């Protein structure tokens, strides 16, 4: 009787067996079936950008709509590109520290560039969004294309400005001393660039409040910029809607319930740009000299 019961059980199990030869095929790649955009709207708050397992850097475009995870496919506007985000959290948006944003100043006038968040916000082309594990790309309605990938502690951005109009234009990349929640308490930035040089660097730090919980945290950044076939035209800092090439350093302070001063740094390249502008953002919660090159 026992043998008959065992035989019946084995027969039942075998009748529900699923062939696994397809999964064993060398042509099967499970990564191709991953869609990071699932859950990136309607309250899902899922991070849709580029990341690595257990990595600190998580790069994506930030929007002014459902931005708890940074980016959302809700048709809102992109306000910047940053390298720190959370996934699946509710409530206030978190992280999104030190966003960068590429643009071309109308009439090549520095003060016609749009520095504040509300002024620079630009719609993106829905059909241009591409999200795969470790990679994210999107095109703005003004023709500027952005791609990004990450290591564990750094994000690499590429901005193609050649389709946005005049190929001889002088594109600018700005950095904003803020985060998605606007919780910055104080921050500093220094711009290290030589006019006519091949590369530029912006580095600094800021103190921010967490989106949930108590206390504060300090974050340091180092942003290296370069453009193929182009030299640095000028650089400096900006406050609110005005920018200047001097000074090259800036410190801002603010209590959480006091006036919030929008400020940061910029680097402008002299066109024509052959292909793209590269921006490498390193991040550390320890110090500016502790960036891990992984």
C-alpha atoms as a PDB file:
ATOM      1  CA  UNK A   1       0.000   0.000   0.000  1.00  0.00           C
ATOM      2  CA  UNK A   2       2.853   2.326   0.879  1.00  0.00           C
ATOM      3  CA  UNK A   3       4.605   1.668  -2.432  1.00  0.00           C
ATOM      4  CA  UNK A   4       1.371   2.338  -4.346  1.00  0.00           C
ATOM      5  CA  UNK A   5       0.928   5.677  -2.507  1.00  0.00           C
ATOM      6  CA  UNK A   6       4.514   6.726  -3.306  1.00  0.00           C
ATOM      7  CA  UNK A   7       4.071   5.817  -6.971  1.00  0.00           C
ATOM      8  CA  UNK A   8       0.844   7.879  -7.173  1.00  0.00           C
ATOM      9  CA  UNK A   9       2.540  10.879  -5.582  1.00  0.00           C
ATOM     10  CA  UNK A  10       5.457  10.757  -8.013  1.00  0.00           C
ATOM     11  CA  UNK A  11       3.054  10.460 -10.929  1.00  0.00           C
ATOM     12  CA  UNK A  12       1.131  13.510  -9.749  1.00  0.00           C
ATOM     13  CA  UNK A  13       4.300  15.576  -9.394  1.00  0.00           C
ATOM     14  CA  UNK A  14       5.543  14.586 -12.844  1.00  0.00           C
ATOM     15  CA  UNK A  15       2.246  15.581 -14.441  1.00  0.00           C
ATOM     16  CA  UNK A  16       2.803  19.180 -13.290  1.00  0.00           C
ATOM     17  CA  UNK A  17       6.447  19.399 -14.282  1.00  0.00           C
ATOM     18  CA  UNK A  18       7.441  22.335 -16.509  1.00  0.00           C
ATOM     19  CA  UNK A  19      10.099  21.897 -19.201  1.00  0.00           C
ATOM     20  CA  UNK A  20      13.202  23.872 -18.292  1.00  0.00           C
ATOM     21  CA  UNK A  21      15.178  23.471 -21.495  1.00  0.00           C
ATOM     22  CA  UNK A  22      14.288  27.022 -22.582  1.00  0.00           C
ATOM     23  CA  UNK A  23      15.783  28.508 -19.419  1.00  0.00           C
ATOM     24  CA  UNK A  24      18.912  26.416 -19.876  1.00  0.00           C
ATOM     25  CA  UNK A  25      19.509  27.771 -23.369  1.00  0.00           C
ATOM     26  CA  UNK A  26      22.702  29.787 -23.783  1.00  0.00           C
ATOM     27  CA  UNK A  27      20.649  32.387 -25.685  1.00  0.00           C
ATOM     28  CA  UNK A  28      18.391  33.119 -22.711  1.00  0.00           C
ATOM     29  CA  UNK A  29      19.276  36.354 -20.886  1.00  0.00           C
ATOM     30  CA  UNK A  30      16.936  37.212 -17.986  1.00  0.00           C
ATOM     31  CA  UNK A  31      18.217  40.818 -17.928  1.00  0.00           C
ATOM     32  CA  UNK A  32      16.449  41.444 -21.229  1.00  0.00           C
ATOM     33  CA  UNK A  33      13.099  40.873 -19.487  1.00  0.00           C
ATOM     34  CA  UNK A  34      13.643  43.521 -16.806  1.00  0.00           C
ATOM     35  CA  UNK A  35      11.659  46.755 -17.167  1.00  0.00           C
ATOM     36  CA  UNK A  36      12.828  49.339 -14.601  1.00  0.00           C
ATOM     37  CA  UNK A  37       9.918  51.624 -15.546  1.00  0.00           C
ATOM     38  CA  UNK A  38       7.341  49.317 -13.938  1.00  0.00           C
ATOM     39  CA  UNK A  39       5.997  51.091 -10.863  1.00  0.00           C
ATOM     40  CA  UNK A  40       7.433  54.492 -11.802  1.00  0.00           C
ATOM     41  CA  UNK A  41       4.050  56.247 -11.759  1.00  0.00           C
ATOM     42  CA  UNK A  42       0.677  56.269  -9.985  1.00  0.00           C
ATOM     43  CA  UNK A  43       2.244  56.142  -6.547  1.00  0.00           C
ATOM     44  CA  UNK A  44       4.641  53.258  -7.184  1.00  0.00           C
ATOM     45  CA  UNK A  45       7.627  55.506  -6.386  1.00  0.00           C
ATOM     46  CA  UNK A  46      10.017  52.970  -7.944  1.00  0.00           C
ATOM     47  CA  UNK A  47      13.491  54.162  -8.925  1.00  0.00           C
ATOM     48  CA  UNK A  48      13.767  53.700 -12.694  1.00  0.00           C
ATOM     49  CA  UNK A  49      17.346  54.739 -13.370  1.00  0.00           C
ATOM     50  CA  UNK A  50      20.818  53.219 -13.492  1.00  0.00           C
ATOM     51  CA  UNK A  51      22.126  51.357 -10.437  1.00  0.00           C
ATOM     52  CA  UNK A  52      24.227  48.418  -9.300  1.00  0.00           C
ATOM     53  CA  UNK A  53      23.404  45.896  -6.551  1.00  0.00           C
ATOM     54  CA  UNK A  54      24.219  47.519  -3.194  1.00  0.00           C
ATOM     55  CA  UNK A  55      25.669  50.536  -4.989  1.00  0.00           C
ATOM     56  CA  UNK A  56      25.469  54.043  -3.547  1.00  0.00           C
ATOM     57  CA  UNK A  57      25.085  55.838  -6.879  1.00  0.00           C
ATOM     58  CA  UNK A  58      21.645  55.711  -8.495  1.00  0.00           C
ATOM     59  CA  UNK A  59      21.429  58.028 -11.502  1.00  0.00           C
ATOM     60  CA  UNK A  60      18.255  59.209 -13.203  1.00  0.00           C
ATOM     61  CA  UNK A  61      16.454  62.304 -14.452  1.00  0.00           C
ATOM     62  CA  UNK A  62      14.514  64.204 -11.777  1.00  0.00           C
ATOM     63  CA  UNK A  63      11.022  65.502 -12.550  1.00  0.00           C
ATOM     64  CA  UNK A  64       8.713  68.040 -10.921  1.00  0.00           C
ATOM     65  CA  UNK A  65       5.804  65.585 -10.800  1.00  0.00           C
ATOM     66  CA  UNK A  66       5.870  62.235  -8.976  1.00  0.00           C
ATOM     67  CA  UNK A  67       9.521  62.521  -8.030  1.00  0.00           C
ATOM     68  CA  UNK A  68       9.793  60.398  -4.877  1.00  0.00           C
ATOM     69  CA  UNK A  69      11.938  57.981  -6.902  1.00  0.00           C
ATOM     70  CA  UNK A  70      13.437  60.792  -8.983  1.00  0.00           C
ATOM     71  CA  UNK A  71      11.854  60.036 -12.364  1.00  0.00           C
ATOM     72  CA  UNK A  72       8.274  59.247 -13.276  1.00  0.00           C
ATOM     73  CA  UNK A  73       6.543  58.472 -16.559  1.00  0.00           C
ATOM     74  CA  UNK A  74       3.775  60.918 -15.619  1.00  0.00           C
ATOM     75  CA  UNK A  75       4.628  63.421 -18.355  1.00  0.00           C
ATOM     76  CA  UNK A  76       5.971  66.058 -15.962  1.00  0.00           C
ATOM     77  CA  UNK A  77       9.087  68.166 -16.574  1.00  0.00           C
ATOM     78  CA  UNK A  78      12.730  67.301 -15.981  1.00  0.00           C
ATOM     79  CA  UNK A  79      14.498  69.666 -13.595  1.00  0.00           C
ATOM     80  CA  UNK A  80      17.909  68.016 -13.440  1.00  0.00           C
ATOM     81  CA  UNK A  81      19.948  64.825 -13.423  1.00  0.00           C
ATOM     82  CA  UNK A  82      21.264  63.526 -10.112  1.00  0.00           C
ATOM     83  CA  UNK A  83      23.048  60.482  -8.720  1.00  0.00           C
ATOM     84  CA  UNK A  84      21.358  59.624  -5.403  1.00  0.00           C
ATOM     85  CA  UNK A  85      17.815  58.260  -5.025  1.00  0.00           C
ATOM     86  CA  UNK A  86      15.595  55.965  -3.011  1.00  0.00           C
ATOM     87  CA  UNK A  87      13.131  53.420  -4.372  1.00  0.00           C
ATOM     88  CA  UNK A  88       9.657  52.620  -3.134  1.00  0.00           C
ATOM     89  CA  UNK A  89       9.515  55.210  -0.371  1.00  0.00           C
ATOM     90  CA  UNK A  90       6.436  57.355   0.155  1.00  0.00           C
ATOM     91  CA  UNK A  91       5.896  60.786   1.624  1.00  0.00           C
ATOM     92  CA  UNK A  92       8.400  63.512   0.835  1.00  0.00           C
ATOM     93  CA  UNK A  93      10.819  63.007  -2.050  1.00  0.00           C
ATOM     94  CA  UNK A  94      14.268  62.080  -0.815  1.00  0.00           C
ATOM     95  CA  UNK A  95      17.824  62.591  -2.020  1.00  0.00           C
ATOM     96  CA  UNK A  96      18.274  63.855  -5.611  1.00  0.00           C
ATOM     97  CA  UNK A  97      21.226  65.858  -4.281  1.00  0.00           C
ATOM     98  CA  UNK A  98      23.331  68.194  -6.423  1.00  0.00           C
ATOM     99  CA  UNK A  99      21.414  67.897  -9.711  1.00  0.00           C
ATOM    100  CA  UNK A 100      23.160  68.958 -12.904  1.00  0.00           C
ATOM    101  CA  UNK A 101      21.454  70.339 -15.989  1.00  0.00           C
ATOM    102  CA  UNK A 102      22.737  71.070 -19.536  1.00  0.00           C
ATOM    103  CA  UNK A 103      21.436  73.956 -21.629  1.00  0.00           C
ATOM    104  CA  UNK A 104      22.362  76.501 -24.266  1.00  0.00           C
ATOM    105  CA  UNK A 105      22.056  80.178 -23.308  1.00  0.00           C
ATOM    106  CA  UNK A 106      19.934  82.195 -25.801  1.00  0.00           C
ATOM    107  CA  UNK A 107      22.089  84.671 -27.746  1.00  0.00           C
ATOM    108  CA  UNK A 108      25.073  83.185 -25.895  1.00  0.00           C
ATOM    109  CA  UNK A 109      24.162  85.479 -23.002  1.00  0.00           C
ATOM    110  CA  UNK A 110      25.045  83.876 -19.670  1.00  0.00           C
ATOM    111  CA  UNK A 111      22.213  85.613 -17.837  1.00  0.00           C
ATOM    112  CA  UNK A 112      19.659  84.361 -20.356  1.00  0.00           C
ATOM    113  CA  UNK A 113      20.333  80.822 -19.211  1.00  0.00           C
ATOM    114  CA  UNK A 114      17.695  79.443 -16.859  1.00  0.00           C
ATOM    115  CA  UNK A 115      19.149  78.614 -13.468  1.00  0.00           C
ATOM    116  CA  UNK A 116      16.227  78.334 -10.964  1.00  0.00           C
ATOM    117  CA  UNK A 117      14.378  75.004 -10.867  1.00  0.00           C
ATOM    118  CA  UNK A 118      11.058  76.333 -12.107  1.00  0.00           C
ATOM    119  CA  UNK A 119      12.640  78.234 -14.987  1.00  0.00           C
ATOM    120  CA  UNK A 120      14.856  75.433 -16.299  1.00  0.00           C
ATOM    121  CA  UNK A 121      12.252  72.638 -16.026  1.00  0.00           C
ATOM    122  CA  UNK A 122      11.782  71.089 -19.484  1.00  0.00           C
ATOM    123  CA  UNK A 123       9.378  68.458 -20.796  1.00  0.00           C
ATOM    124  CA  UNK A 124      10.841  65.227 -22.116  1.00  0.00           C
ATOM    125  CA  UNK A 125       9.820  63.146 -25.138  1.00  0.00           C
ATOM    126  CA  UNK A 126       7.917  60.106 -23.855  1.00  0.00           C
ATOM    127  CA  UNK A 127       9.051  57.822 -26.678  1.00  0.00           C
ATOM    128  CA  UNK A 128      12.726  58.627 -25.965  1.00  0.00           C
ATOM    129  CA  UNK A 129      12.798  57.078 -22.483  1.00  0.00           C
ATOM    130  CA  UNK A 130      15.017  53.985 -22.358  1.00  0.00           C
ATOM    131  CA  UNK A 131      15.580  52.170 -19.082  1.00  0.00           C
ATOM    132  CA  UNK A 132      17.555  48.956 -18.774  1.00  0.00           C
ATOM    133  CA  UNK A 133      19.550  47.550 -15.835  1.00  0.00           C
ATOM    134  CA  UNK A 134      22.494  49.895 -15.317  1.00  0.00           C
ATOM    135  CA  UNK A 135      21.468  52.403 -17.985  1.00  0.00           C
ATOM    136  CA  UNK A 136      18.957  55.219 -18.468  1.00  0.00           C
ATOM    137  CA  UNK A 137      18.442  57.685 -21.295  1.00  0.00           C
ATOM    138  CA  UNK A 138      15.948  60.371 -22.233  1.00  0.00           C
ATOM    139  CA  UNK A 139      15.634  63.265 -24.677  1.00  0.00           C
ATOM    140  CA  UNK A 140      14.356  66.705 -23.725  1.00  0.00           C
ATOM    141  CA  UNK A 141      11.908  68.544 -25.959  1.00  0.00           C
ATOM    142  CA  UNK A 142      14.662  71.056 -26.762  1.00  0.00           C
ATOM    143  CA  UNK A 143      16.662  68.264 -28.427  1.00  0.00           C
ATOM    144  CA  UNK A 144      19.275  67.673 -25.723  1.00  0.00           C
ATOM    145  CA  UNK A 145      19.812  63.951 -25.110  1.00  0.00           C
ATOM    146  CA  UNK A 146      20.988  62.512 -21.804  1.00  0.00           C
ATOM    147  CA  UNK A 147      22.433  59.080 -21.002  1.00  0.00           C
ATOM    148  CA  UNK A 148      23.690  57.789 -17.689  1.00  0.00           C
ATOM    149  CA  UNK A 149      25.295  54.787 -16.053  1.00  0.00           C
ATOM    150  CA  UNK A 150      26.930  54.155 -12.682  1.00  0.00           C
ATOM    151  CA  UNK A 151      29.645  52.467 -10.687  1.00  0.00           C
ATOM    152  CA  UNK A 152      29.066  51.862  -6.986  1.00  0.00           C
ATOM    153  CA  UNK A 153      30.081  55.354  -5.883  1.00  0.00           C
ATOM    154  CA  UNK A 154      29.973  57.441  -9.051  1.00  0.00           C
ATOM    155  CA  UNK A 155      27.633  58.279 -11.918  1.00  0.00           C
ATOM    156  CA  UNK A 156      28.633  58.953 -15.513  1.00  0.00           C
ATOM    157  CA  UNK A 157      26.410  61.244 -17.571  1.00  0.00           C
ATOM    158  CA  UNK A 158      26.631  62.039 -21.281  1.00  0.00           C
ATOM    159  CA  UNK A 159      24.789  65.008 -22.761  1.00  0.00           C
ATOM    160  CA  UNK A 160      24.400  65.353 -26.520  1.00  0.00           C
ATOM    161  CA  UNK A 161      23.585  68.971 -27.328  1.00  0.00           C
ATOM    162  CA  UNK A 162      24.265  68.800 -31.063  1.00  0.00           C
ATOM    163  CA  UNK A 163      20.610  68.210 -31.991  1.00  0.00           C
ATOM    164  CA  UNK A 164      19.295  71.126 -29.932  1.00  0.00           C
ATOM    165  CA  UNK A 165      20.019  73.778 -32.562  1.00  0.00           C
ATOM    166  CA  UNK A 166      23.249  75.463 -33.663  1.00  0.00           C
ATOM    167  CA  UNK A 167      26.108  72.953 -33.567  1.00  0.00           C
ATOM    168  CA  UNK A 168      28.493  75.862 -32.935  1.00  0.00           C
ATOM    169  CA  UNK A 169      26.615  76.923 -29.797  1.00  0.00           C
ATOM    170  CA  UNK A 170      28.354  77.050 -26.430  1.00  0.00           C
ATOM    171  CA  UNK A 171      26.596  74.564 -24.108  1.00  0.00           C
ATOM    172  CA  UNK A 172      26.569  75.097 -20.363  1.00  0.00           C
ATOM    173  CA  UNK A 173      26.312  72.538 -17.557  1.00  0.00           C
ATOM    174  CA  UNK A 174      25.109  73.871 -14.215  1.00  0.00           C
ATOM    175  CA  UNK A 175      25.063  72.257 -10.764  1.00  0.00           C
ATOM    176  CA  UNK A 176      22.413  73.144  -8.191  1.00  0.00           C
ATOM    177  CA  UNK A 177      23.198  72.998  -4.452  1.00  0.00           C
ATOM    178  CA  UNK A 178      19.860  71.452  -3.579  1.00  0.00           C
ATOM    179  CA  UNK A 179      17.972  68.160  -3.284  1.00  0.00           C
ATOM    180  CA  UNK A 180      14.524  66.976  -4.341  1.00  0.00           C
ATOM    181  CA  UNK A 181      12.924  67.991  -1.053  1.00  0.00           C
ATOM    182  CA  UNK A 182      14.628  71.378  -0.869  1.00  0.00           C
ATOM    183  CA  UNK A 183      15.964  70.472   2.564  1.00  0.00           C
ATOM    184  CA  UNK A 184      19.474  71.891   2.207  1.00  0.00           C
ATOM    185  CA  UNK A 185      20.680  73.623   5.383  1.00  0.00           C
ATOM    186  CA  UNK A 186      24.006  74.911   4.103  1.00  0.00           C
ATOM    187  CA  UNK A 187      26.346  74.115   1.237  1.00  0.00           C
ATOM    188  CA  UNK A 188      29.523  75.191  -0.498  1.00  0.00           C
ATOM    189  CA  UNK A 189      30.982  74.842  -3.970  1.00  0.00           C
ATOM    190  CA  UNK A 190      34.261  75.641  -5.686  1.00  0.00           C
ATOM    191  CA  UNK A 191      34.737  75.693  -9.446  1.00  0.00           C
ATOM    192  CA  UNK A 192      38.141  74.655 -10.734  1.00  0.00           C
ATOM    193  CA  UNK A 193      38.386  75.456 -14.427  1.00  0.00           C
ATOM    194  CA  UNK A 194      40.868  77.231 -16.643  1.00  0.00           C
ATOM    195  CA  UNK A 195      39.523  79.100 -19.648  1.00  0.00           C
ATOM    196  CA  UNK A 196      40.747  77.288 -22.744  1.00  0.00           C
ATOM    197  CA  UNK A 197      41.362  74.090 -20.816  1.00  0.00           C
ATOM    198  CA  UNK A 198      40.076  70.667 -21.780  1.00  0.00           C
ATOM    199  CA  UNK A 199      38.325  69.776 -18.528  1.00  0.00           C
ATOM    200  CA  UNK A 200      36.743  71.402 -15.490  1.00  0.00           C
ATOM    201  CA  UNK A 201      35.839  70.364 -11.963  1.00  0.00           C
ATOM    202  CA  UNK A 202      33.210  71.415  -9.444  1.00  0.00           C
ATOM    203  CA  UNK A 203      33.376  70.106  -5.907  1.00  0.00           C
ATOM    204  CA  UNK A 204      31.767  70.869  -2.587  1.00  0.00           C
ATOM    205  CA  UNK A 205      29.370  69.603   0.047  1.00  0.00           C
ATOM    206  CA  UNK A 206      26.015  70.197   1.661  1.00  0.00           C
ATOM    207  CA  UNK A 207      24.043  69.417   4.803  1.00  0.00           C
ATOM    208  CA  UNK A 208      20.550  68.019   4.233  1.00  0.00           C
ATOM    209  CA  UNK A 209      17.596  66.700   6.199  1.00  0.00           C
ATOM    210  CA  UNK A 210      16.297  63.145   5.635  1.00  0.00           C
ATOM    211  CA  UNK A 211      12.863  62.748   4.064  1.00  0.00           C
ATOM    212  CA  UNK A 212      11.837  60.745   7.123  1.00  0.00           C
ATOM    213  CA  UNK A 213      13.426  60.468  10.549  1.00  0.00           C
ATOM    214  CA  UNK A 214      15.416  62.991  12.558  1.00  0.00           C
ATOM    215  CA  UNK A 215      18.834  64.595  12.294  1.00  0.00           C
ATOM    216  CA  UNK A 216      20.770  65.574   9.200  1.00  0.00           C
ATOM    217  CA  UNK A 217      23.468  64.236   6.917  1.00  0.00           C
ATOM    218  CA  UNK A 218      26.458  65.719   5.110  1.00  0.00           C
ATOM    219  CA  UNK A 219      27.211  64.782   1.527  1.00  0.00           C
ATOM    220  CA  UNK A 220      30.285  65.620  -0.555  1.00  0.00           C
ATOM    221  CA  UNK A 221      30.518  65.694  -4.335  1.00  0.00           C
ATOM    222  CA  UNK A 222      33.114  66.014  -7.078  1.00  0.00           C
ATOM    223  CA  UNK A 223      31.975  66.633 -10.661  1.00  0.00           C
ATOM    224  CA  UNK A 224      34.449  66.334 -13.546  1.00  0.00           C
ATOM    225  CA  UNK A 225      33.373  67.747 -16.912  1.00  0.00           C
ATOM    226  CA  UNK A 226      34.754  67.451 -20.421  1.00  0.00           C
ATOM    227  CA  UNK A 227      33.551  67.852 -23.999  1.00  0.00           C
ATOM    228  CA  UNK A 228      34.918  66.179 -27.103  1.00  0.00           C
ATOM    229  CA  UNK A 229      36.607  68.684 -29.364  1.00  0.00           C
ATOM    230  CA  UNK A 230      35.774  71.677 -27.172  1.00  0.00           C
ATOM    231  CA  UNK A 231      37.525  73.880 -24.635  1.00  0.00           C
ATOM    232  CA  UNK A 232      36.221  75.552 -21.503  1.00  0.00           C
ATOM    233  CA  UNK A 233      34.802  78.961 -22.423  1.00  0.00           C
ATOM    234  CA  UNK A 234      34.086  80.226 -18.909  1.00  0.00           C
ATOM    235  CA  UNK A 235      32.926  79.111 -15.464  1.00  0.00           C
ATOM    236  CA  UNK A 236      31.706  80.479 -12.184  1.00  0.00           C
ATOM    237  CA  UNK A 237      28.805  80.480  -9.737  1.00  0.00           C
ATOM    238  CA  UNK A 238      25.152  81.508  -9.884  1.00  0.00           C
ATOM    239  CA  UNK A 239      22.566  82.745  -7.385  1.00  0.00           C
ATOM    240  CA  UNK A 240      18.851  82.813  -8.188  1.00  0.00           C
ATOM    241  CA  UNK A 241      18.654  83.898 -11.857  1.00  0.00           C
ATOM    242  CA  UNK A 242      22.067  85.558 -12.184  1.00  0.00           C
ATOM    243  CA  UNK A 243      25.518  84.102 -12.872  1.00  0.00           C
ATOM    244  CA  UNK A 244      29.057  85.421 -13.057  1.00  0.00           C
ATOM    245  CA  UNK A 245      32.563  84.228 -13.810  1.00  0.00           C
ATOM    246  CA  UNK A 246      33.868  85.652 -10.532  1.00  0.00           C
ATOM    247  CA  UNK A 247      34.106  84.507  -7.801  1.00  0.00           C
ATOM    248  CA  UNK A 248      34.726  80.788  -8.264  1.00  0.00           C
ATOM    249  CA  UNK A 249      33.545  79.812  -4.781  1.00  0.00           C
ATOM    250  CA  UNK A 250      30.225  80.100  -2.980  1.00  0.00           C
ATOM    251  CA  UNK A 251      28.790  79.328   0.469  1.00  0.00           C
ATOM    252  CA  UNK A 252      25.064  79.361   1.209  1.00  0.00           C
ATOM    253  CA  UNK A 253      23.212  78.916   4.481  1.00  0.00           C
ATOM    254  CA  UNK A 254      19.576  78.427   5.339  1.00  0.00           C
ATOM    255  CA  UNK A 255      17.380  77.281   8.196  1.00  0.00           C
ATOM    256  CA  UNK A 256      14.674  74.832   7.104  1.00  0.00           C
ATOM    257  CA  UNK A 257      11.825  77.343   7.561  1.00  0.00           C
ATOM    258  CA  UNK A 258      13.729  80.366   6.272  1.00  0.00           C
ATOM    259  CA  UNK A 259      14.253  81.768   2.785  1.00  0.00           C
ATOM    260  CA  UNK A 260      15.717  79.180   0.417  1.00  0.00           C
ATOM    261  CA  UNK A 261      18.465  80.595  -1.766  1.00  0.00           C
ATOM    262  CA  UNK A 262      18.893  78.790  -5.075  1.00  0.00           C
ATOM    263  CA  UNK A 263      22.576  78.699  -5.974  1.00  0.00           C
ATOM    264  CA  UNK A 264      25.324  76.611  -7.527  1.00  0.00           C
ATOM    265  CA  UNK A 265      28.075  76.545 -10.115  1.00  0.00           C
ATOM    266  CA  UNK A 266      28.429  76.299 -13.880  1.00  0.00           C
ATOM    267  CA  UNK A 267      30.899  75.464 -16.630  1.00  0.00           C
ATOM    268  CA  UNK A 268      30.385  76.546 -20.241  1.00  0.00           C
ATOM    269  CA  UNK A 269      32.168  74.998 -23.221  1.00  0.00           C
ATOM    270  CA  UNK A 270      33.087  76.701 -26.453  1.00  0.00           C
ATOM    271  CA  UNK A 271      31.562  74.943 -29.457  1.00  0.00           C
ATOM    272  CA  UNK A 272      31.397  73.258 -31.775  1.00  0.00           C
ATOM    273  CA  UNK A 273      30.899  70.086 -29.725  1.00  0.00           C
ATOM    274  CA  UNK A 274      31.887  67.075 -31.797  1.00  0.00           C
ATOM    275  CA  UNK A 275      29.762  64.514 -30.010  1.00  0.00           C
ATOM    276  CA  UNK A 276      28.831  64.913 -26.340  1.00  0.00           C
ATOM    277  CA  UNK A 277      29.649  66.442 -22.966  1.00  0.00           C
ATOM    278  CA  UNK A 278      30.703  63.964 -20.293  1.00  0.00           C
ATOM    279  CA  UNK A 279      30.047  64.544 -16.604  1.00  0.00           C
ATOM    280  CA  UNK A 280      31.355  62.227 -13.882  1.00  0.00           C
ATOM    281  CA  UNK A 281      29.851  62.711 -10.419  1.00  0.00           C
ATOM    282  CA  UNK A 282      31.595  61.134  -7.439  1.00  0.00           C
ATOM    283  CA  UNK A 283      29.816  61.045  -4.077  1.00  0.00           C
ATOM    284  CA  UNK A 284      30.883  60.454  -0.485  1.00  0.00           C
ATOM    285  CA  UNK A 285      29.391  60.847   2.980  1.00  0.00           C
ATOM    286  CA  UNK A 286      32.912  61.112   4.429  1.00  0.00           C
ATOM    287  CA  UNK A 287      35.056  63.654   2.607  1.00  0.00           C
ATOM    288  CA  UNK A 288      35.890  65.103  -0.810  1.00  0.00           C
ATOM    289  CA  UNK A 289      39.085  63.047  -0.955  1.00  0.00           C
ATOM    290  CA  UNK A 290      37.391  59.723  -0.286  1.00  0.00           C
ATOM    291  CA  UNK A 291      35.755  59.032  -3.643  1.00  0.00           C
ATOM    292  CA  UNK A 292      36.050  55.373  -4.556  1.00  0.00           C
ATOM    293  CA  UNK A 293      36.884  54.723  -8.203  1.00  0.00           C
ATOM    294  CA  UNK A 294      35.025  51.489  -8.856  1.00  0.00           C
END
